[in-house]
Amino acid sequence: LWAAHEVAATQSKNQRAKNDKSYHVLISFSPGECPTPDVLKRIEDRVAAAVDFSEHQRISAVHHDTDNIHIHVAINKIHPQKLIM
């Protein structure tokens, strides 16, 4: 919960941006795949870097509630130091 408050505080510092300040990504694995937590973290890092958000705040959740493991990643599009989108 504190992470969501941290993201909201950062987003509130940018009043000029009118578009959605969050970027959502779903990373899904094939049925039967069960990556380790370390592998999941590395994949998440690579995906964030690939969309040029490696320095941005993000909140992730791994779900096992379907036939395949998947990760929901919410990335703050507001840079935490530059405060620009």
N, C-alpha and C. Protein backbone atom coordinates (compact mmCIF):
# COMPACT_ATOMS: atom_id res chain seq x y z
N LEU A 1 0.82 -1.19 0.00
CA LEU A 1 0.00 0.00 0.00
C LEU A 1 0.86 1.25 0.00
N TRP A 2 1.98 1.23 0.74
CA TRP A 2 2.85 2.41 0.76
C TRP A 2 3.39 2.74 -0.62
N ALA A 3 3.62 1.71 -1.44
CA ALA A 3 4.15 1.93 -2.80
C ALA A 3 3.15 2.72 -3.64
N ALA A 4 1.89 2.41 -3.52
CA ALA A 4 0.86 3.13 -4.27
C ALA A 4 0.80 4.59 -3.83
N HIS A 5 0.97 4.84 -2.54
CA HIS A 5 1.00 6.23 -2.04
C HIS A 5 2.22 6.97 -2.56
N GLU A 6 3.33 6.29 -2.63
CA GLU A 6 4.57 6.88 -3.15
C GLU A 6 4.40 7.28 -4.62
N VAL A 7 3.81 6.40 -5.41
CA VAL A 7 3.56 6.69 -6.83
C VAL A 7 2.60 7.87 -6.95
N ALA A 8 1.52 7.87 -6.18
CA ALA A 8 0.54 8.96 -6.23
C ALA A 8 1.17 10.29 -5.84
N ALA A 9 2.06 10.28 -4.86
CA ALA A 9 2.74 11.51 -4.45
C ALA A 9 3.62 12.04 -5.57
N THR A 10 4.32 11.15 -6.25
CA THR A 10 5.16 11.57 -7.38
C THR A 10 4.29 12.12 -8.50
N GLN A 11 3.21 11.43 -8.83
CA GLN A 11 2.33 11.88 -9.90
C GLN A 11 1.71 13.23 -9.59
N SER A 12 1.42 13.50 -8.34
CA SER A 12 0.78 14.77 -7.97
C SER A 12 1.72 15.96 -8.17
N LYS A 13 3.00 15.70 -8.27
CA LYS A 13 3.98 16.78 -8.48
C LYS A 13 4.02 17.25 -9.93
N ASN A 14 3.36 16.53 -10.82
CA ASN A 14 3.28 16.94 -12.22
C ASN A 14 1.82 17.27 -12.53
N GLN A 15 1.52 18.55 -12.58
CA GLN A 15 0.16 19.00 -12.85
C GLN A 15 -0.09 19.30 -14.33
N ARG A 16 0.99 19.33 -15.12
CA ARG A 16 0.84 19.65 -16.54
C ARG A 16 0.36 18.47 -17.37
N ALA A 17 0.75 17.27 -17.00
CA ALA A 17 0.38 16.08 -17.78
C ALA A 17 -1.12 15.84 -17.67
N LYS A 18 -1.77 15.70 -18.81
CA LYS A 18 -3.23 15.49 -18.82
C LYS A 18 -3.59 14.04 -19.16
N ASN A 19 -2.67 13.31 -19.76
CA ASN A 19 -2.93 11.91 -20.11
C ASN A 19 -2.76 11.02 -18.89
N ASP A 20 -3.10 9.75 -19.05
CA ASP A 20 -2.93 8.76 -17.99
C ASP A 20 -1.47 8.74 -17.56
N LYS A 21 -1.23 8.84 -16.28
CA LYS A 21 0.13 8.89 -15.76
C LYS A 21 0.68 7.52 -15.41
N SER A 22 -0.08 6.48 -15.71
CA SER A 22 0.37 5.11 -15.44
C SER A 22 0.39 4.30 -16.74
N TYR A 23 1.34 3.38 -16.81
CA TYR A 23 1.48 2.49 -17.96
C TYR A 23 1.32 1.08 -17.42
N HIS A 24 0.40 0.32 -17.99
CA HIS A 24 0.12 -1.03 -17.50
C HIS A 24 0.61 -2.07 -18.50
N VAL A 25 1.27 -3.08 -17.98
CA VAL A 25 1.81 -4.17 -18.80
C VAL A 25 1.37 -5.49 -18.18
N LEU A 26 1.02 -6.42 -19.04
CA LEU A 26 0.71 -7.78 -18.60
C LEU A 26 1.72 -8.70 -19.26
N ILE A 27 2.46 -9.44 -18.46
CA ILE A 27 3.45 -10.39 -18.96
C ILE A 27 2.91 -11.78 -18.64
N SER A 28 2.61 -12.54 -19.68
CA SER A 28 1.97 -13.84 -19.50
C SER A 28 2.89 -14.96 -19.96
N PHE A 29 2.85 -16.07 -19.25
CA PHE A 29 3.68 -17.22 -19.57
C PHE A 29 2.81 -18.38 -20.06
N SER A 30 3.42 -19.27 -20.78
CA SER A 30 2.69 -20.43 -21.30
C SER A 30 2.24 -21.32 -20.15
N PRO A 31 1.11 -22.01 -20.33
CA PRO A 31 0.67 -22.95 -19.30
C PRO A 31 1.78 -23.94 -18.97
N GLY A 32 1.98 -24.17 -17.69
CA GLY A 32 3.02 -25.10 -17.25
C GLY A 32 4.34 -24.43 -16.93
N GLU A 33 4.59 -23.24 -17.49
CA GLU A 33 5.82 -22.52 -17.15
C GLU A 33 5.71 -22.00 -15.73
N CYS A 34 6.78 -22.13 -14.98
CA CYS A 34 6.79 -21.66 -13.59
C CYS A 34 8.14 -21.03 -13.29
N PRO A 35 8.37 -19.81 -13.80
CA PRO A 35 9.66 -19.15 -13.57
C PRO A 35 9.88 -18.87 -12.09
N THR A 36 11.14 -18.88 -11.69
CA THR A 36 11.48 -18.58 -10.30
C THR A 36 11.27 -17.09 -10.04
N PRO A 37 11.14 -16.70 -8.78
CA PRO A 37 11.01 -15.27 -8.47
C PRO A 37 12.15 -14.42 -9.06
N ASP A 38 13.37 -14.95 -9.05
CA ASP A 38 14.50 -14.21 -9.62
C ASP A 38 14.32 -14.00 -11.12
N VAL A 39 13.88 -15.02 -11.82
CA VAL A 39 13.65 -14.92 -13.27
C VAL A 39 12.52 -13.93 -13.55
N LEU A 40 11.45 -13.99 -12.76
CA LEU A 40 10.34 -13.05 -12.93
C LEU A 40 10.81 -11.61 -12.76
N LYS A 41 11.65 -11.37 -11.77
CA LYS A 41 12.19 -10.02 -11.52
C LYS A 41 13.04 -9.56 -12.69
N ARG A 42 13.89 -10.44 -13.21
CA ARG A 42 14.74 -10.06 -14.35
C ARG A 42 13.90 -9.77 -15.60
N ILE A 43 12.86 -10.56 -15.81
CA ILE A 43 11.98 -10.32 -16.96
C ILE A 43 11.27 -8.98 -16.80
N GLU A 44 10.76 -8.72 -15.62
CA GLU A 44 10.10 -7.43 -15.36
C GLU A 44 11.06 -6.27 -15.62
N ASP A 45 12.29 -6.38 -15.12
CA ASP A 45 13.30 -5.33 -15.35
C ASP A 45 13.56 -5.11 -16.84
N ARG A 46 13.67 -6.19 -17.59
CA ARG A 46 13.93 -6.08 -19.03
C ARG A 46 12.76 -5.46 -19.78
N VAL A 47 11.55 -5.82 -19.39
CA VAL A 47 10.37 -5.23 -20.04
C VAL A 47 10.30 -3.73 -19.73
N ALA A 48 10.53 -3.34 -18.48
CA ALA A 48 10.51 -1.92 -18.12
C ALA A 48 11.57 -1.15 -18.91
N ALA A 49 12.74 -1.73 -19.05
CA ALA A 49 13.81 -1.08 -19.81
C ALA A 49 13.44 -0.98 -21.29
N ALA A 50 12.79 -2.00 -21.81
CA ALA A 50 12.42 -2.03 -23.23
C ALA A 50 11.43 -0.93 -23.59
N VAL A 51 10.60 -0.52 -22.65
CA VAL A 51 9.64 0.56 -22.89
C VAL A 51 10.14 1.88 -22.31
N ASP A 52 11.43 1.93 -21.99
CA ASP A 52 12.14 3.13 -21.53
C ASP A 52 11.63 3.66 -20.19
N PHE A 53 11.26 2.74 -19.29
CA PHE A 53 10.80 3.13 -17.96
C PHE A 53 11.64 2.49 -16.85
N SER A 54 12.89 2.16 -17.13
CA SER A 54 13.70 1.46 -16.14
C SER A 54 13.95 2.29 -14.88
N GLU A 55 13.94 3.61 -15.00
CA GLU A 55 14.19 4.48 -13.83
C GLU A 55 12.90 4.85 -13.10
N HIS A 56 11.78 4.40 -13.59
CA HIS A 56 10.49 4.83 -13.05
C HIS A 56 9.99 3.88 -11.96
N GLN A 57 9.15 4.40 -11.08
CA GLN A 57 8.52 3.59 -10.05
C GLN A 57 7.58 2.60 -10.70
N ARG A 58 7.49 1.42 -10.10
CA ARG A 58 6.54 0.44 -10.61
C ARG A 58 6.10 -0.50 -9.49
N ILE A 59 4.91 -1.01 -9.68
CA ILE A 59 4.32 -1.97 -8.74
C ILE A 59 3.93 -3.18 -9.56
N SER A 60 4.34 -4.35 -9.10
CA SER A 60 4.07 -5.59 -9.84
C SER A 60 3.39 -6.60 -8.93
N ALA A 61 2.59 -7.44 -9.58
CA ALA A 61 1.93 -8.53 -8.85
C ALA A 61 1.93 -9.77 -9.73
N VAL A 62 2.39 -10.87 -9.17
CA VAL A 62 2.40 -12.15 -9.88
C VAL A 62 1.10 -12.87 -9.52
N HIS A 63 0.41 -13.36 -10.56
CA HIS A 63 -0.86 -14.05 -10.34
C HIS A 63 -0.76 -15.50 -10.79
N HIS A 64 -1.36 -16.36 -9.99
CA HIS A 64 -1.44 -17.79 -10.29
C HIS A 64 -2.90 -18.22 -10.39
N ASP A 65 -3.80 -17.26 -10.67
CA ASP A 65 -5.23 -17.54 -10.63
C ASP A 65 -5.81 -18.02 -11.96
N THR A 66 -4.97 -18.26 -12.94
CA THR A 66 -5.41 -18.77 -14.23
C THR A 66 -4.54 -19.98 -14.58
N ASP A 67 -4.73 -20.54 -15.77
CA ASP A 67 -3.92 -21.69 -16.19
C ASP A 67 -2.46 -21.32 -16.43
N ASN A 68 -2.19 -20.03 -16.53
CA ASN A 68 -0.82 -19.62 -16.76
C ASN A 68 -0.44 -18.48 -15.80
N ILE A 69 0.79 -18.54 -15.33
CA ILE A 69 1.31 -17.48 -14.47
C ILE A 69 1.40 -16.20 -15.30
N HIS A 70 1.08 -15.08 -14.68
CA HIS A 70 1.22 -13.80 -15.34
C HIS A 70 1.57 -12.72 -14.33
N ILE A 71 2.18 -11.66 -14.82
CA ILE A 71 2.58 -10.54 -13.97
C ILE A 71 1.85 -9.30 -14.46
N HIS A 72 1.22 -8.60 -13.55
CA HIS A 72 0.67 -7.28 -13.83
C HIS A 72 1.70 -6.26 -13.37
N VAL A 73 2.07 -5.34 -14.24
CA VAL A 73 3.04 -4.31 -13.89
C VAL A 73 2.41 -2.95 -14.14
N ALA A 74 2.36 -2.13 -13.11
CA ALA A 74 1.89 -0.75 -13.23
C ALA A 74 3.10 0.15 -13.07
N ILE A 75 3.40 0.93 -14.11
CA ILE A 75 4.58 1.79 -14.12
C ILE A 75 4.13 3.25 -14.07
N ASN A 76 4.76 4.01 -13.20
CA ASN A 76 4.50 5.45 -13.13
C ASN A 76 5.21 6.12 -14.30
N LYS A 77 4.45 6.76 -15.19
CA LYS A 77 5.06 7.41 -16.35
C LYS A 77 5.75 8.72 -15.98
N ILE A 78 5.52 9.23 -14.77
CA ILE A 78 6.19 10.44 -14.30
C ILE A 78 7.54 10.03 -13.72
N HIS A 79 8.62 10.58 -14.28
CA HIS A 79 9.97 10.26 -13.80
C HIS A 79 10.11 10.75 -12.36
N PRO A 80 10.65 9.94 -11.45
CA PRO A 80 10.67 10.31 -10.03
C PRO A 80 11.59 11.48 -9.68
N GLN A 81 12.60 11.77 -10.50
CA GLN A 81 13.46 12.92 -10.22
C GLN A 81 13.14 14.10 -11.14
N LYS A 82 12.96 13.84 -12.41
CA LYS A 82 12.72 14.92 -13.38
C LYS A 82 11.28 15.42 -13.35
N LEU A 83 10.37 14.59 -12.84
CA LEU A 83 8.95 14.90 -12.72
C LEU A 83 8.29 15.25 -14.06
N ILE A 84 8.82 14.66 -15.14
CA ILE A 84 8.22 14.82 -16.45
C ILE A 84 7.70 13.48 -16.93
N MET A 85 6.73 13.55 -17.84
CA MET A 85 6.17 12.31 -18.37
C MET A 85 7.01 11.88 -19.56
